N, C-alpha and C. Protein backbone atom coordinates (compact mmCIF):
# COMPACT_ATOMS: atom_id res chain seq x y z
N MET A 1 -4.58 -7.84 12.80
CA MET A 1 -5.65 -8.61 12.22
C MET A 1 -6.36 -7.85 11.10
N HIS A 2 -6.24 -6.53 11.06
CA HIS A 2 -6.90 -5.78 9.99
C HIS A 2 -6.31 -6.09 8.63
N GLU A 3 -5.11 -6.70 8.60
CA GLU A 3 -4.52 -7.09 7.32
C GLU A 3 -5.38 -8.11 6.59
N LEU A 4 -6.13 -8.93 7.33
CA LEU A 4 -7.02 -9.90 6.67
C LEU A 4 -8.08 -9.17 5.85
N ALA A 5 -8.73 -8.18 6.43
CA ALA A 5 -9.75 -7.42 5.70
C ALA A 5 -9.14 -6.68 4.51
N ILE A 6 -7.98 -6.11 4.71
CA ILE A 6 -7.29 -5.41 3.63
C ILE A 6 -6.98 -6.38 2.49
N THR A 7 -6.46 -7.54 2.84
CA THR A 7 -6.08 -8.53 1.84
C THR A 7 -7.31 -9.06 1.11
N GLN A 8 -8.41 -9.25 1.82
CA GLN A 8 -9.65 -9.67 1.17
C GLN A 8 -10.11 -8.63 0.14
N SER A 9 -9.98 -7.38 0.49
CA SER A 9 -10.36 -6.31 -0.45
C SER A 9 -9.47 -6.32 -1.68
N ILE A 10 -8.18 -6.49 -1.48
CA ILE A 10 -7.25 -6.55 -2.61
C ILE A 10 -7.62 -7.71 -3.53
N LEU A 11 -7.90 -8.86 -2.94
CA LEU A 11 -8.27 -10.04 -3.73
C LEU A 11 -9.55 -9.79 -4.52
N GLU A 12 -10.56 -9.23 -3.88
CA GLU A 12 -11.82 -8.95 -4.57
C GLU A 12 -11.63 -7.98 -5.74
N ILE A 13 -10.86 -6.93 -5.52
CA ILE A 13 -10.60 -5.94 -6.57
C ILE A 13 -9.85 -6.59 -7.73
N ALA A 14 -8.81 -7.35 -7.41
CA ALA A 14 -8.00 -7.98 -8.45
C ALA A 14 -8.82 -8.97 -9.27
N ILE A 15 -9.60 -9.79 -8.61
CA ILE A 15 -10.42 -10.77 -9.34
C ILE A 15 -11.46 -10.08 -10.20
N ARG A 16 -12.10 -9.06 -9.67
CA ARG A 16 -13.12 -8.33 -10.44
C ARG A 16 -12.51 -7.75 -11.72
N HIS A 17 -11.34 -7.12 -11.61
CA HIS A 17 -10.71 -6.53 -12.79
C HIS A 17 -10.19 -7.59 -13.75
N ALA A 18 -9.63 -8.66 -13.21
CA ALA A 18 -9.10 -9.73 -14.07
C ALA A 18 -10.24 -10.41 -14.84
N GLU A 19 -11.33 -10.70 -14.15
CA GLU A 19 -12.47 -11.33 -14.82
C GLU A 19 -13.09 -10.40 -15.86
N GLY A 20 -13.04 -9.11 -15.60
CA GLY A 20 -13.53 -8.13 -16.56
C GLY A 20 -12.73 -8.13 -17.85
N GLN A 21 -11.49 -8.62 -17.76
CA GLN A 21 -10.62 -8.72 -18.94
C GLN A 21 -10.53 -10.17 -19.45
N GLN A 22 -11.42 -11.03 -18.97
CA GLN A 22 -11.44 -12.45 -19.32
C GLN A 22 -10.07 -13.13 -19.09
N ALA A 23 -9.40 -12.76 -18.00
CA ALA A 23 -8.10 -13.35 -17.68
C ALA A 23 -8.29 -14.75 -17.13
N ARG A 24 -7.33 -15.61 -17.43
CA ARG A 24 -7.34 -16.97 -16.89
C ARG A 24 -6.72 -17.00 -15.50
N ARG A 25 -5.72 -16.11 -15.31
CA ARG A 25 -4.96 -16.17 -14.07
C ARG A 25 -4.35 -14.81 -13.77
N ILE A 26 -4.27 -14.49 -12.48
CA ILE A 26 -3.56 -13.29 -12.02
C ILE A 26 -2.16 -13.74 -11.64
N THR A 27 -1.15 -13.08 -12.19
CA THR A 27 0.22 -13.51 -11.91
C THR A 27 0.95 -12.60 -10.93
N ASP A 28 0.67 -11.30 -10.97
CA ASP A 28 1.39 -10.36 -10.12
C ASP A 28 0.46 -9.23 -9.68
N LEU A 29 0.66 -8.76 -8.46
CA LEU A 29 -0.06 -7.59 -7.95
C LEU A 29 0.97 -6.61 -7.41
N PHE A 30 0.76 -5.34 -7.70
CA PHE A 30 1.68 -4.29 -7.28
C PHE A 30 0.95 -3.40 -6.28
N ILE A 31 1.41 -3.45 -5.04
CA ILE A 31 0.75 -2.77 -3.95
C ILE A 31 1.63 -1.63 -3.45
N VAL A 32 1.04 -0.44 -3.31
CA VAL A 32 1.75 0.72 -2.81
C VAL A 32 1.37 0.92 -1.35
N MET A 33 2.39 1.04 -0.51
CA MET A 33 2.17 1.22 0.92
C MET A 33 3.06 2.35 1.43
N GLY A 34 2.45 3.32 2.09
CA GLY A 34 3.23 4.37 2.71
C GLY A 34 3.95 3.86 3.94
N GLN A 35 5.08 4.50 4.28
CA GLN A 35 5.85 4.10 5.46
C GLN A 35 5.00 4.13 6.73
N TRP A 36 4.07 5.06 6.80
CA TRP A 36 3.22 5.17 7.99
C TRP A 36 1.92 4.40 7.85
N SER A 37 1.80 3.61 6.79
CA SER A 37 0.62 2.75 6.65
C SER A 37 0.65 1.73 7.79
N SER A 38 -0.50 1.40 8.30
CA SER A 38 -0.54 0.47 9.43
C SER A 38 -0.44 -0.99 9.00
N ALA A 39 -0.48 -1.26 7.71
CA ALA A 39 -0.41 -2.65 7.22
C ALA A 39 1.04 -3.14 7.21
N VAL A 40 1.20 -4.43 7.43
CA VAL A 40 2.52 -5.05 7.46
C VAL A 40 2.62 -6.00 6.26
N ASP A 41 3.68 -5.83 5.47
CA ASP A 41 3.88 -6.62 4.25
C ASP A 41 3.75 -8.13 4.51
N ASP A 42 4.46 -8.62 5.52
CA ASP A 42 4.46 -10.06 5.79
C ASP A 42 3.08 -10.58 6.14
N SER A 43 2.29 -9.79 6.86
CA SER A 43 0.94 -10.21 7.22
C SER A 43 0.04 -10.25 5.99
N VAL A 44 0.15 -9.25 5.13
CA VAL A 44 -0.63 -9.25 3.89
C VAL A 44 -0.26 -10.48 3.06
N GLN A 45 1.03 -10.75 2.95
CA GLN A 45 1.48 -11.92 2.19
C GLN A 45 0.95 -13.21 2.80
N PHE A 46 0.99 -13.32 4.12
CA PHE A 46 0.48 -14.51 4.81
C PHE A 46 -0.99 -14.74 4.49
N TYR A 47 -1.80 -13.70 4.66
CA TYR A 47 -3.23 -13.84 4.38
C TYR A 47 -3.50 -14.08 2.90
N TRP A 48 -2.70 -13.45 2.05
CA TRP A 48 -2.86 -13.65 0.60
C TRP A 48 -2.72 -15.12 0.25
N ASP A 49 -1.68 -15.75 0.78
CA ASP A 49 -1.43 -17.15 0.48
C ASP A 49 -2.60 -18.03 0.92
N LEU A 50 -3.26 -17.66 2.01
CA LEU A 50 -4.40 -18.44 2.50
C LEU A 50 -5.67 -18.21 1.69
N ILE A 51 -6.03 -16.94 1.50
CA ILE A 51 -7.35 -16.66 0.92
C ILE A 51 -7.39 -16.71 -0.61
N SER A 52 -6.22 -16.69 -1.25
CA SER A 52 -6.23 -16.76 -2.72
C SER A 52 -6.26 -18.19 -3.24
N GLU A 53 -6.15 -19.16 -2.33
CA GLU A 53 -6.21 -20.56 -2.76
C GLU A 53 -7.51 -20.84 -3.52
N LYS A 54 -7.37 -21.62 -4.57
CA LYS A 54 -8.51 -22.05 -5.39
C LYS A 54 -9.23 -20.89 -6.07
N THR A 55 -8.49 -19.79 -6.31
CA THR A 55 -9.00 -18.68 -7.11
C THR A 55 -8.05 -18.47 -8.28
N ILE A 56 -8.42 -17.59 -9.19
CA ILE A 56 -7.52 -17.31 -10.32
C ILE A 56 -6.29 -16.52 -9.88
N ALA A 57 -6.24 -16.14 -8.61
CA ALA A 57 -5.10 -15.40 -8.08
C ALA A 57 -4.13 -16.28 -7.30
N GLN A 58 -4.44 -17.56 -7.18
CA GLN A 58 -3.55 -18.45 -6.42
C GLN A 58 -2.16 -18.44 -7.03
N GLY A 59 -1.16 -18.25 -6.19
CA GLY A 59 0.23 -18.25 -6.65
C GLY A 59 0.71 -16.91 -7.18
N ALA A 60 -0.17 -15.92 -7.24
CA ALA A 60 0.25 -14.60 -7.73
C ALA A 60 1.28 -14.01 -6.77
N ARG A 61 2.25 -13.31 -7.34
CA ARG A 61 3.29 -12.67 -6.54
C ARG A 61 2.85 -11.27 -6.15
N LEU A 62 3.08 -10.94 -4.89
CA LEU A 62 2.79 -9.59 -4.40
C LEU A 62 4.09 -8.79 -4.39
N HIS A 63 4.02 -7.60 -4.96
CA HIS A 63 5.17 -6.70 -4.98
C HIS A 63 4.78 -5.46 -4.18
N PHE A 64 5.57 -5.14 -3.17
CA PHE A 64 5.27 -4.01 -2.31
C PHE A 64 6.22 -2.86 -2.62
N LYS A 65 5.64 -1.68 -2.81
CA LYS A 65 6.43 -0.47 -3.02
C LYS A 65 6.14 0.46 -1.84
N ARG A 66 7.17 0.81 -1.10
CA ARG A 66 7.02 1.68 0.06
C ARG A 66 7.24 3.14 -0.33
N ILE A 67 6.33 3.99 0.10
CA ILE A 67 6.41 5.43 -0.16
C ILE A 67 6.92 6.11 1.12
N PRO A 68 7.99 6.88 1.03
CA PRO A 68 8.51 7.54 2.22
C PRO A 68 7.57 8.63 2.72
N VAL A 69 7.69 8.91 4.00
CA VAL A 69 6.87 9.95 4.62
C VAL A 69 7.44 11.32 4.26
N GLU A 70 6.54 12.22 3.91
CA GLU A 70 6.91 13.62 3.68
C GLU A 70 5.86 14.48 4.37
N LEU A 71 6.34 15.41 5.16
CA LEU A 71 5.46 16.33 5.88
C LEU A 71 5.56 17.72 5.28
N LYS A 72 4.51 18.49 5.44
CA LYS A 72 4.51 19.88 5.02
C LYS A 72 4.15 20.73 6.23
N CYS A 73 4.98 21.73 6.49
CA CYS A 73 4.72 22.66 7.58
C CYS A 73 3.68 23.66 7.09
N MET A 74 2.59 23.74 7.82
CA MET A 74 1.52 24.65 7.44
C MET A 74 1.82 26.09 7.88
N ASP A 75 2.87 26.28 8.68
CA ASP A 75 3.26 27.61 9.11
C ASP A 75 4.14 28.30 8.06
N CYS A 76 5.14 27.57 7.54
CA CYS A 76 6.06 28.21 6.59
C CYS A 76 6.02 27.60 5.19
N GLY A 77 5.32 26.47 5.01
CA GLY A 77 5.21 25.85 3.70
C GLY A 77 6.32 24.89 3.33
N HIS A 78 7.28 24.71 4.21
CA HIS A 78 8.42 23.83 3.93
C HIS A 78 7.98 22.36 3.96
N SER A 79 8.43 21.57 2.96
CA SER A 79 8.17 20.13 2.92
C SER A 79 9.45 19.40 3.24
N TYR A 80 9.33 18.30 4.01
CA TYR A 80 10.52 17.60 4.46
C TYR A 80 10.18 16.20 4.94
N PRO A 81 11.18 15.31 4.91
CA PRO A 81 10.98 13.99 5.52
C PRO A 81 11.30 14.11 7.01
N PRO A 82 10.43 13.61 7.87
CA PRO A 82 10.71 13.73 9.30
C PRO A 82 11.83 12.77 9.72
N THR A 83 12.48 13.11 10.82
CA THR A 83 13.46 12.18 11.39
C THR A 83 12.72 11.31 12.39
N SER A 84 13.33 10.25 12.80
CA SER A 84 12.68 9.34 13.74
C SER A 84 12.47 9.97 15.11
N ARG A 85 13.26 10.99 15.42
CA ARG A 85 13.17 11.62 16.74
C ARG A 85 12.42 12.95 16.73
N GLU A 86 12.31 13.57 15.57
CA GLU A 86 11.76 14.93 15.53
C GLU A 86 10.79 15.08 14.36
N LEU A 87 9.58 15.53 14.66
CA LEU A 87 8.59 15.76 13.62
C LEU A 87 8.46 17.23 13.26
N SER A 88 8.80 18.12 14.17
CA SER A 88 8.61 19.55 13.92
C SER A 88 9.45 20.01 12.73
N CYS A 89 9.02 21.10 12.13
CA CYS A 89 9.66 21.64 10.94
C CYS A 89 11.11 22.03 11.21
N PRO A 90 12.04 21.54 10.39
CA PRO A 90 13.45 21.89 10.59
C PRO A 90 13.76 23.33 10.20
N LYS A 91 12.86 23.96 9.47
CA LYS A 91 13.10 25.33 9.01
C LYS A 91 12.61 26.37 10.03
N CYS A 92 11.39 26.16 10.58
CA CYS A 92 10.82 27.17 11.48
C CYS A 92 10.41 26.61 12.85
N ALA A 93 10.62 25.30 13.05
CA ALA A 93 10.25 24.61 14.29
C ALA A 93 8.73 24.54 14.48
N GLY A 94 7.97 24.81 13.43
CA GLY A 94 6.52 24.74 13.51
C GLY A 94 6.02 23.33 13.75
N THR A 95 4.87 23.23 14.36
CA THR A 95 4.28 21.91 14.64
C THR A 95 2.89 21.77 14.02
N HIS A 96 2.50 22.73 13.21
CA HIS A 96 1.23 22.66 12.48
C HIS A 96 1.55 21.99 11.15
N LEU A 97 1.42 20.65 11.11
CA LEU A 97 1.94 19.85 10.00
C LEU A 97 0.83 19.10 9.27
N LYS A 98 1.11 18.80 8.02
CA LYS A 98 0.21 17.99 7.19
C LYS A 98 1.05 16.88 6.56
N VAL A 99 0.50 15.67 6.53
CA VAL A 99 1.19 14.55 5.88
C VAL A 99 0.93 14.64 4.38
N LYS A 100 2.00 14.83 3.61
CA LYS A 100 1.88 14.89 2.15
C LYS A 100 1.91 13.49 1.53
N SER A 101 2.74 12.62 2.08
CA SER A 101 2.84 11.25 1.59
C SER A 101 3.32 10.36 2.72
N GLY A 102 3.07 9.07 2.55
CA GLY A 102 3.54 8.10 3.53
C GLY A 102 2.43 7.33 4.22
N GLU A 103 1.16 7.69 3.94
CA GLU A 103 0.04 6.95 4.53
C GLU A 103 -0.75 6.17 3.48
N GLU A 104 -0.26 6.13 2.26
CA GLU A 104 -0.97 5.49 1.16
C GLU A 104 -1.10 3.98 1.38
N PHE A 105 -2.12 3.43 0.79
CA PHE A 105 -2.26 1.98 0.69
C PHE A 105 -3.24 1.72 -0.45
N TYR A 106 -2.73 1.20 -1.56
CA TYR A 106 -3.62 0.91 -2.68
C TYR A 106 -2.99 -0.11 -3.63
N LEU A 107 -3.85 -0.74 -4.41
CA LEU A 107 -3.44 -1.67 -5.44
C LEU A 107 -3.16 -0.85 -6.70
N GLU A 108 -1.91 -0.79 -7.09
CA GLU A 108 -1.51 0.04 -8.23
C GLU A 108 -1.75 -0.64 -9.57
N ALA A 109 -1.45 -1.94 -9.64
CA ALA A 109 -1.58 -2.65 -10.92
C ALA A 109 -1.65 -4.15 -10.68
N ILE A 110 -2.21 -4.83 -11.66
CA ILE A 110 -2.17 -6.30 -11.65
C ILE A 110 -1.71 -6.77 -13.03
N GLU A 111 -1.06 -7.92 -13.03
CA GLU A 111 -0.69 -8.55 -14.29
C GLU A 111 -1.44 -9.87 -14.38
N VAL A 112 -1.94 -10.16 -15.56
CA VAL A 112 -2.77 -11.35 -15.76
C VAL A 112 -2.31 -12.13 -16.98
N GLU A 113 -2.75 -13.38 -17.04
CA GLU A 113 -2.59 -14.20 -18.24
C GLU A 113 -3.96 -14.33 -18.86
N SER A 114 -4.03 -14.07 -20.16
CA SER A 114 -5.32 -14.18 -20.87
C SER A 114 -5.56 -15.57 -21.36
């Protein structure tokens, strides 16, 4: 259900920026989502179709770009993509880890008609 709040925020941001450029219509939105982001593409799309009705964003296409997860071992400095079964560092077996990428969620760009 948190996708509704996320989608509302995306809509507000897109409309604010489009209106700031005197756009007539928003045609496309480019959303970046990390693999470990808790948002689900289909849910965002579902809510988008509902809440964008009767706005300048109605009918805009959502494009999702997924960012793979990359971890950094804080013990040896090695960066790596984790496997589905093992998170520990493949180089030193360390478990003191930092997520370098894969948790992102942001609106990267919008396309509008003037």
